[in-house]
N, C-alpha and C. Protein backbone atom coordinates (compact mmCIF):
# COMPACT_ATOMS: atom_id res chain seq x y z
N MET A 1 382.37 -12.69 -15.41
CA MET A 1 380.85 -12.64 -15.49
C MET A 1 380.64 -11.74 -14.51
N GLU A 2 379.82 -10.64 -15.24
CA GLU A 2 378.99 -9.47 -14.22
C GLU A 2 377.55 -9.86 -14.20
N LEU A 3 376.79 -9.24 -12.77
CA LEU A 3 375.98 -8.97 -12.44
C LEU A 3 374.74 -9.59 -12.89
N LEU A 4 374.54 -8.94 -14.49
CA LEU A 4 373.72 -9.41 -14.98
C LEU A 4 373.63 -10.62 -15.67
N ASP A 5 374.85 -11.27 -16.23
CA ASP A 5 375.01 -12.21 -16.61
C ASP A 5 374.72 -13.58 -15.43
N THR A 6 374.60 -13.27 -14.32
CA THR A 6 375.32 -13.88 -12.80
C THR A 6 373.93 -13.82 -13.01
N LEU A 7 372.85 -13.26 -12.68
CA LEU A 7 371.74 -13.14 -12.20
C LEU A 7 370.88 -13.69 -13.35
N ALA A 8 371.19 -13.13 -14.49
CA ALA A 8 370.14 -14.11 -16.11
C ALA A 8 370.34 -15.99 -15.89
N LEU A 9 371.36 -16.00 -15.69
CA LEU A 9 372.12 -17.45 -15.25
C LEU A 9 371.07 -18.58 -13.60
N PHE A 10 370.98 -17.09 -12.83
CA PHE A 10 370.25 -17.69 -12.18
C PHE A 10 368.94 -17.84 -12.34
N GLY A 11 368.28 -17.57 -13.45
CA GLY A 11 366.48 -17.10 -13.31
C GLY A 11 366.63 -18.57 -14.15
N THR A 12 367.79 -18.77 -15.31
CA THR A 12 367.58 -20.14 -15.70
C THR A 12 367.49 -21.45 -14.69
N VAL A 13 368.04 -21.30 -14.24
CA VAL A 13 368.77 -22.61 -13.01
C VAL A 13 367.43 -22.60 -12.53
N ALA A 14 367.09 -21.55 -11.73
CA ALA A 14 365.76 -21.86 -10.71
C ALA A 14 364.34 -21.73 -12.34
N LEU A 15 364.62 -21.79 -13.50
CA LEU A 15 363.35 -22.39 -13.93
C LEU A 15 363.93 -24.12 -14.57
N ALA A 16 364.95 -24.57 -14.78
CA ALA A 16 365.97 -25.44 -14.68
C ALA A 16 365.57 -26.57 -14.14
N ALA A 17 365.61 -26.29 -12.82
CA ALA A 17 365.63 -26.83 -11.35
C ALA A 17 364.56 -27.77 -11.36
N PRO A 18 363.13 -27.34 -11.50
CA PRO A 18 361.84 -28.63 -11.44
C PRO A 18 361.49 -29.19 -11.98
N ILE A 19 362.51 -28.65 -13.25
CA ILE A 19 362.04 -29.64 -14.60
C ILE A 19 363.35 -30.93 -14.88
N GLY A 20 364.38 -30.70 -14.01
CA GLY A 20 365.24 -31.44 -13.98
C GLY A 20 365.00 -32.08 -12.66
N LEU A 21 364.60 -32.01 -11.22
CA LEU A 21 363.45 -32.72 -10.12
C LEU A 21 362.75 -33.75 -10.73
N LEU A 22 361.88 -32.77 -11.78
CA LEU A 22 360.82 -34.16 -12.43
C LEU A 22 361.16 -35.42 -13.39
N GLY A 23 362.69 -34.67 -14.05
CA GLY A 23 363.35 -35.62 -14.43
C GLY A 23 364.02 -37.24 -13.85
N ALA A 24 364.25 -36.43 -13.11
CA ALA A 24 364.89 -37.49 -11.85
C ALA A 24 363.53 -38.14 -11.00
N GLU A 25 362.71 -37.64 -10.99
CA GLU A 25 361.57 -38.48 -10.10
C GLU A 25 361.15 -39.63 -11.52
N PHE A 26 360.62 -39.03 -12.49
CA PHE A 26 360.57 -40.44 -12.88
C PHE A 26 361.96 -41.23 -14.06
N LEU A 27 362.86 -41.31 -13.16
CA LEU A 27 363.48 -41.98 -13.72
C LEU A 27 363.80 -42.89 -12.55
N VAL A 28 363.64 -42.57 -11.02
CA VAL A 28 362.93 -43.16 -9.92
C VAL A 28 362.27 -44.34 -9.90
N GLY A 29 360.62 -43.54 -10.96
CA GLY A 29 359.98 -44.17 -10.99
C GLY A 29 359.68 -45.27 -12.21
N GLY A 30 360.86 -45.47 -12.84
CA GLY A 30 361.08 -46.31 -13.95
C GLY A 30 360.50 -45.50 -15.38
N ARG A 31 360.16 -44.66 -15.23
CA ARG A 31 359.64 -44.11 -16.56
C ARG A 31 360.83 -43.66 -17.31
N THR A 32 361.66 -44.52 -17.96
CA THR A 32 362.84 -43.84 -18.49
C THR A 32 363.07 -42.47 -19.17
N VAL A 33 362.06 -42.96 -20.21
CA VAL A 33 362.09 -42.35 -21.53
C VAL A 33 361.98 -40.84 -21.29
N SER A 34 360.65 -40.69 -20.45
CA SER A 34 360.24 -39.18 -19.51
C SER A 34 361.44 -38.78 -19.09
N GLY A 35 361.95 -39.53 -17.78
CA GLY A 35 362.97 -38.83 -17.14
C GLY A 35 364.42 -38.50 -18.02
N VAL A 36 364.96 -39.00 -19.20
CA VAL A 36 365.72 -38.84 -19.92
C VAL A 36 365.66 -37.61 -20.15
N GLY A 37 364.09 -37.40 -21.35
CA GLY A 37 363.91 -36.15 -21.64
C GLY A 37 364.11 -35.44 -21.08
N PHE A 38 363.72 -34.96 -19.48
CA PHE A 38 363.14 -34.09 -19.24
C PHE A 38 364.69 -33.74 -18.48
N LEU A 39 365.32 -34.89 -18.14
CA LEU A 39 366.83 -33.83 -17.50
C LEU A 39 367.37 -33.48 -19.00
N ALA A 40 367.41 -34.17 -19.86
CA ALA A 40 368.06 -33.02 -21.20
C ALA A 40 367.45 -31.99 -21.23
N VAL A 41 366.13 -31.66 -21.52
CA VAL A 41 365.84 -30.30 -21.21
C VAL A 41 366.44 -29.70 -20.18
N ALA A 42 366.19 -30.03 -19.00
CA ALA A 42 366.91 -29.08 -17.87
C ALA A 42 368.29 -28.45 -18.45
N LEU A 43 369.34 -30.20 -19.12
CA LEU A 43 370.49 -28.95 -18.89
C LEU A 43 370.76 -28.47 -19.97
N ALA A 44 369.96 -28.63 -21.54
CA ALA A 44 370.27 -27.79 -22.49
C ALA A 44 370.07 -26.57 -21.75
N LEU A 45 368.51 -26.42 -20.87
CA LEU A 45 368.32 -24.74 -20.77
C LEU A 45 369.63 -23.97 -19.85
N VAL A 46 370.00 -24.41 -18.66
CA VAL A 46 371.29 -24.07 -18.45
C VAL A 46 372.52 -23.92 -19.10
N ALA A 47 372.69 -25.21 -20.32
CA ALA A 47 374.23 -25.45 -21.05
C ALA A 47 373.77 -24.23 -21.70
N GLY A 48 372.87 -23.33 -22.85
CA GLY A 48 372.68 -22.97 -23.23
C GLY A 48 372.45 -21.11 -22.59
N GLY A 49 371.67 -21.62 -21.45
CA GLY A 49 372.27 -20.05 -20.93
C GLY A 49 373.68 -19.34 -20.68
N TYR A 50 374.37 -20.79 -20.34
CA TYR A 50 375.75 -20.48 -19.78
C TYR A 50 377.12 -19.88 -21.06
N PHE A 51 376.52 -20.41 -21.95
CA PHE A 51 377.38 -20.72 -23.52
C PHE A 51 377.23 -19.84 -24.25
N ARG A 52 375.75 -19.37 -24.05
CA ARG A 52 375.50 -18.37 -25.27
C ARG A 52 375.65 -16.94 -24.92
N PRO A 53 376.29 -16.54 -26.03
CA PRO A 53 376.53 -14.67 -25.79
C PRO A 53 375.51 -13.72 -25.32
N SER A 54 375.55 -13.25 -25.24
CA SER A 54 374.37 -12.06 -24.52
C SER A 54 374.41 -10.97 -25.41
N PRO A 55 373.85 -10.58 -25.71
CA PRO A 55 373.28 -9.02 -26.73
C PRO A 55 374.69 -8.23 -26.25
N LYS A 56 374.71 -8.16 -24.91
CA LYS A 56 375.95 -6.58 -24.68
C LYS A 56 377.10 -7.17 -25.13
N SER A 57 377.62 -8.07 -24.91
CA SER A 57 379.31 -8.68 -25.67
C SER A 57 379.26 -8.82 -26.95
N ILE A 58 377.87 -8.70 -27.99
CA ILE A 58 378.45 -8.94 -28.99
C ILE A 58 378.53 -7.61 -29.89
N VAL A 59 377.27 -6.06 -28.85
CA VAL A 59 377.58 -5.52 -28.89
C VAL A 59 378.79 -4.34 -28.78
N ALA A 60 379.14 -4.86 -27.51
CA ALA A 60 380.41 -4.37 -26.69
C ALA A 60 381.75 -4.43 -27.81
N GLY A 61 381.25 -5.82 -28.64
CA GLY A 61 382.58 -6.07 -29.23
C GLY A 61 382.67 -5.54 -30.58
N ARG A 62 381.69 -5.26 -31.37
CA ARG A 62 381.57 -4.82 -32.05
C ARG A 62 381.96 -3.66 -32.45
N VAL A 63 381.77 -2.69 -31.41
CA VAL A 63 381.94 -0.76 -31.22
C VAL A 63 383.98 -1.52 -30.95
N ALA A 64 383.85 -1.91 -30.39
CA ALA A 64 385.64 -1.94 -30.04
C ALA A 64 386.38 -1.98 -31.05
N ASP A 65 385.92 -3.45 -31.95
CA ASP A 65 386.45 -3.68 -33.32
C ASP A 65 386.43 -2.24 -34.37
N ALA A 66 385.06 -1.59 -34.34
CA ALA A 66 384.84 -0.56 -34.89
C ALA A 66 385.65 0.71 -34.50
N ALA A 67 385.86 0.50 -33.55
CA ALA A 67 387.09 1.94 -32.91
C ALA A 67 388.20 1.46 -32.74
N THR A 68 389.07 0.42 -32.71
CA THR A 68 389.87 -0.02 -32.92
C THR A 68 390.90 -0.45 -34.38
N THR A 69 389.94 0.08 -35.79
CA THR A 69 390.12 -0.39 -36.63
C THR A 69 390.66 0.74 -37.73
N ASP A 70 391.07 0.92 -38.49
CA ASP A 70 391.32 2.29 -39.15
C ASP A 70 390.51 1.61 -40.44
N GLY A 71 388.82 2.41 -40.65
CA GLY A 71 388.92 2.02 -42.08
C GLY A 71 388.88 2.40 -43.48
N GLY A 72 389.63 3.40 -43.47
CA GLY A 72 390.13 4.34 -44.99
C GLY A 72 391.41 4.31 -45.54
N ASP A 73 391.37 4.33 -46.52
CA ASP A 73 392.73 4.14 -47.33
C ASP A 73 393.95 5.05 -47.34
N GLU A 74 393.44 6.25 -47.04
CA GLU A 74 395.00 6.91 -46.59
C GLU A 74 395.11 7.62 -44.99
N PRO A 75 396.46 7.71 -44.46
CA PRO A 75 397.00 7.62 -43.44
C PRO A 75 396.63 8.72 -42.79
N ALA A 76 395.82 7.90 -41.04
CA ALA A 76 395.21 8.85 -39.97
C ALA A 76 396.26 10.27 -39.73
N ARG A 77 395.63 11.05 -39.74
CA ARG A 77 395.75 12.29 -39.61
C ARG A 77 395.31 13.35 -37.77
N ALA A 78 396.43 13.37 -37.22
CA ALA A 78 396.10 14.36 -36.06
C ALA A 78 394.87 15.66 -36.32
N ASP A 79 394.60 15.72 -35.86
CA ASP A 79 392.98 16.81 -35.45
C ASP A 79 393.96 18.25 -34.85
N ASP A 80 394.34 18.86 -35.57
CA ASP A 80 395.07 20.21 -35.07
C ASP A 80 394.29 21.63 -34.64
N GLY A 81 393.31 21.34 -34.84
CA GLY A 81 392.32 22.66 -34.81
C GLY A 81 392.05 23.96 -36.39
N ASP A 82 393.43 22.92 -36.99
CA ASP A 82 393.22 24.14 -38.13
C ASP A 82 392.58 23.27 -39.40
N ASP A 83 391.53 24.21 -39.84
CA ASP A 83 390.51 23.76 -40.96
C ASP A 83 390.72 23.80 -42.44
N GLY A 84 392.07 24.76 -42.34
CA GLY A 84 392.45 24.87 -43.74
C GLY A 84 391.37 26.42 -44.11
N ARG A 85 390.65 26.85 -43.15
CA ARG A 85 390.20 28.31 -43.49
C ARG A 85 391.43 29.60 -43.07
N GLU A 86 391.06 30.85 -44.15
CA GLU A 86 391.87 31.90 -43.22
C GLU A 86 391.88 32.92 -42.25
C-alpha cells in the first residue's frame, strides 16, 4: 500500500470511528436496531475504502497493458533511424 492509499484509509477510519462508537453506545443502551445499523455503516465505510481499487491503480494497470501488448497485425520492427529516404 502506498502512502496516499494509507492516508486515504486513515481518513476513512477517522470518519467511521465515531459512527462505530455511536453504534456501540446504542447497542449498550438497548437500541439494538440503531446500533447494528450504525456499526454496519462504519464497517461498510472501512471495508469499502480498503477493498475499493483506487483510480491511480486502474490507470496504471491500463497503461501497463497498453504498453506491453502488440496492437498491430504486422510484426514489430526495430527503428534503426532509416526512414526510407535517400
